[in-house]
């Protein structure tokens, strides 16, 4: 379970970089390239919810 958590964390870190860069573009008043960045953001949120579920199940298993 720890390997799965670590791999999810690395993947989320990689996918968070374009999301942060998109936020910087919006902050600077530039229009971000939404065709690719929305796909990255959607994948990021799907992986984020997967990470939450894996952590919740791991904590539940450790508690028992």
N, C-alpha and C. Protein backbone atom coordinates (compact mmCIF):
# COMPACT_ATOMS: atom_id res chain seq x y z
N UNK A 1 0.83 -1.19 0.00
CA UNK A 1 0.00 0.00 0.00
C UNK A 1 0.87 1.26 0.00
N UNK A 2 2.04 1.18 0.65
CA UNK A 2 2.92 2.35 0.69
C UNK A 2 3.48 2.66 -0.69
N UNK A 3 3.76 1.62 -1.48
CA UNK A 3 4.28 1.84 -2.83
C UNK A 3 3.22 2.51 -3.69
N UNK A 4 1.97 2.10 -3.53
CA UNK A 4 0.89 2.71 -4.28
C UNK A 4 0.71 4.17 -3.89
N UNK A 5 0.80 4.47 -2.61
CA UNK A 5 0.70 5.86 -2.15
C UNK A 5 1.84 6.70 -2.71
N UNK A 6 3.04 6.16 -2.68
CA UNK A 6 4.20 6.91 -3.17
C UNK A 6 4.10 7.15 -4.67
N UNK A 7 3.64 6.14 -5.41
CA UNK A 7 3.51 6.33 -6.86
C UNK A 7 2.42 7.35 -7.18
N UNK A 8 1.31 7.31 -6.45
CA UNK A 8 0.27 8.32 -6.64
C UNK A 8 0.81 9.72 -6.33
N UNK A 9 1.60 9.85 -5.29
CA UNK A 9 2.15 11.16 -4.93
C UNK A 9 3.07 11.69 -6.02
N UNK A 10 3.89 10.84 -6.59
CA UNK A 10 4.80 11.26 -7.66
C UNK A 10 4.01 11.67 -8.90
N UNK A 11 3.01 10.88 -9.26
CA UNK A 11 2.19 11.21 -10.43
C UNK A 11 1.45 12.52 -10.21
N UNK A 12 0.91 12.72 -9.02
CA UNK A 12 0.20 13.97 -8.74
C UNK A 12 1.15 15.16 -8.77
N UNK A 13 2.36 14.97 -8.31
CA UNK A 13 3.34 16.05 -8.35
C UNK A 13 3.66 16.42 -9.80
N UNK A 14 3.81 15.41 -10.65
CA UNK A 14 4.11 15.67 -12.05
C UNK A 14 2.94 16.39 -12.72
N UNK A 15 1.72 15.94 -12.45
CA UNK A 15 0.56 16.56 -13.08
C UNK A 15 0.20 17.91 -12.47
N UNK A 16 0.71 18.22 -11.30
CA UNK A 16 0.38 19.52 -10.71
C UNK A 16 1.19 20.65 -11.33
N UNK A 17 2.31 20.35 -11.95
CA UNK A 17 3.14 21.39 -12.55
C UNK A 17 2.39 22.14 -13.66
N UNK A 18 1.78 21.47 -14.65
CA UNK A 18 1.02 22.23 -15.66
C UNK A 18 -0.16 22.98 -15.08
N UNK A 19 -0.79 22.44 -14.05
CA UNK A 19 -1.91 23.15 -13.43
C UNK A 19 -1.44 24.44 -12.77
N UNK A 20 -0.30 24.40 -12.12
CA UNK A 20 0.25 25.61 -11.49
C UNK A 20 0.69 26.61 -12.55
N UNK A 21 1.29 26.13 -13.63
CA UNK A 21 1.69 27.02 -14.71
C UNK A 21 0.47 27.68 -15.36
N UNK A 22 -0.62 26.94 -15.47
CA UNK A 22 -1.86 27.51 -15.99
C UNK A 22 -2.38 28.60 -15.08
N UNK A 23 -2.29 28.39 -13.78
CA UNK A 23 -2.72 29.43 -12.84
C UNK A 23 -1.86 30.68 -12.96
N UNK A 24 -0.56 30.51 -13.19
CA UNK A 24 0.31 31.67 -13.39
C UNK A 24 -0.06 32.42 -14.66
N UNK A 25 -0.42 31.69 -15.73
CA UNK A 25 -0.86 32.35 -16.96
C UNK A 25 -2.12 33.17 -16.71
N UNK A 26 -3.06 32.61 -15.99
CA UNK A 26 -4.30 33.32 -15.69
C UNK A 26 -4.01 34.54 -14.81
N UNK A 27 -3.12 34.39 -13.85
CA UNK A 27 -2.77 35.49 -12.95
C UNK A 27 -2.12 36.64 -13.71
N UNK A 28 -1.29 36.32 -14.70
CA UNK A 28 -0.60 37.34 -15.48
C UNK A 28 -1.50 37.96 -16.56
N UNK A 29 -2.69 37.45 -16.73
CA UNK A 29 -3.61 38.00 -17.71
C UNK A 29 -3.48 37.37 -19.09
N UNK A 30 -2.65 36.37 -19.23
CA UNK A 30 -2.51 35.66 -20.50
C UNK A 30 -3.58 34.58 -20.56
N UNK A 31 -3.95 34.24 -21.76
CA UNK A 31 -4.93 33.16 -21.90
C UNK A 31 -4.18 31.84 -22.04
N UNK A 32 -4.44 30.91 -21.13
CA UNK A 32 -3.73 29.63 -21.21
C UNK A 32 -4.25 28.79 -22.38
N UNK A 33 -3.43 27.85 -22.80
CA UNK A 33 -3.81 26.92 -23.86
C UNK A 33 -4.74 25.88 -23.25
N UNK A 34 -6.03 26.13 -23.36
CA UNK A 34 -7.00 25.30 -22.65
C UNK A 34 -7.18 23.92 -23.25
N UNK A 35 -6.83 23.74 -24.50
CA UNK A 35 -7.05 22.44 -25.13
C UNK A 35 -6.23 21.35 -24.44
N UNK A 36 -5.00 21.66 -24.09
CA UNK A 36 -4.19 20.64 -23.42
C UNK A 36 -4.26 20.75 -21.91
N UNK A 37 -4.40 21.96 -21.40
CA UNK A 37 -4.35 22.12 -19.95
C UNK A 37 -5.61 21.60 -19.26
N UNK A 38 -6.76 21.68 -19.91
CA UNK A 38 -7.97 21.14 -19.28
C UNK A 38 -7.89 19.63 -19.18
N UNK A 39 -7.27 18.99 -20.16
CA UNK A 39 -7.09 17.54 -20.08
C UNK A 39 -6.19 17.21 -18.90
N UNK A 40 -5.11 17.95 -18.75
CA UNK A 40 -4.18 17.71 -17.65
C UNK A 40 -4.87 17.95 -16.31
N UNK A 41 -5.66 19.03 -16.22
CA UNK A 41 -6.35 19.34 -14.97
C UNK A 41 -7.37 18.26 -14.63
N UNK A 42 -8.10 17.75 -15.63
CA UNK A 42 -9.07 16.68 -15.38
C UNK A 42 -8.38 15.41 -14.90
N UNK A 43 -7.27 15.05 -15.55
CA UNK A 43 -6.52 13.87 -15.11
C UNK A 43 -5.98 14.09 -13.71
N UNK A 44 -5.53 15.31 -13.41
CA UNK A 44 -5.02 15.64 -12.09
C UNK A 44 -6.08 15.41 -11.02
N UNK A 45 -7.31 15.88 -11.26
CA UNK A 45 -8.36 15.71 -10.27
C UNK A 45 -8.78 14.25 -10.12
N UNK A 46 -8.79 13.50 -11.22
CA UNK A 46 -9.11 12.08 -11.12
C UNK A 46 -8.06 11.37 -10.28
N UNK A 47 -6.79 11.66 -10.54
CA UNK A 47 -5.72 11.05 -9.75
C UNK A 47 -5.76 11.50 -8.30
N UNK A 48 -6.14 12.75 -8.07
CA UNK A 48 -6.24 13.27 -6.71
C UNK A 48 -7.32 12.52 -5.92
N UNK A 49 -8.47 12.29 -6.54
CA UNK A 49 -9.52 11.54 -5.85
C UNK A 49 -9.11 10.08 -5.65
N UNK A 50 -8.37 9.52 -6.60
CA UNK A 50 -7.84 8.18 -6.41
C UNK A 50 -6.87 8.13 -5.24
N UNK A 51 -6.05 9.17 -5.10
CA UNK A 51 -5.11 9.26 -3.99
C UNK A 51 -5.85 9.34 -2.66
N UNK A 52 -6.92 10.11 -2.62
CA UNK A 52 -7.73 10.22 -1.40
C UNK A 52 -8.32 8.86 -1.03
N UNK A 53 -8.85 8.16 -2.01
CA UNK A 53 -9.46 6.85 -1.74
C UNK A 53 -8.42 5.86 -1.25
N UNK A 54 -7.25 5.83 -1.90
CA UNK A 54 -6.19 4.90 -1.48
C UNK A 54 -5.74 5.22 -0.07
N UNK A 55 -5.56 6.48 0.26
CA UNK A 55 -5.15 6.84 1.62
C UNK A 55 -6.23 6.51 2.64
N UNK A 56 -7.48 6.74 2.29
CA UNK A 56 -8.57 6.42 3.21
C UNK A 56 -8.63 4.92 3.47
N UNK A 57 -8.51 4.13 2.42
CA UNK A 57 -8.54 2.67 2.61
C UNK A 57 -7.32 2.19 3.39
N UNK A 58 -6.16 2.81 3.15
CA UNK A 58 -4.96 2.44 3.90
C UNK A 58 -5.08 2.77 5.38
N UNK A 59 -5.63 3.93 5.68
CA UNK A 59 -5.83 4.30 7.08
C UNK A 59 -6.86 3.41 7.75
N UNK A 60 -7.89 3.06 7.01
CA UNK A 60 -8.92 2.18 7.56
C UNK A 60 -8.34 0.79 7.84
N UNK A 61 -7.48 0.30 6.93
CA UNK A 61 -6.87 -1.01 7.11
C UNK A 61 -5.91 -1.01 8.29
N UNK A 62 -5.14 0.08 8.46
CA UNK A 62 -4.20 0.17 9.57
C UNK A 62 -4.91 0.27 10.90
N UNK A 63 -6.09 0.88 10.91
CA UNK A 63 -6.84 1.06 12.14
C UNK A 63 -7.40 -0.27 12.65
N UNK A 64 -7.72 -1.15 11.72
CA UNK A 64 -8.28 -2.46 12.11
C UNK A 64 -7.22 -3.37 12.54
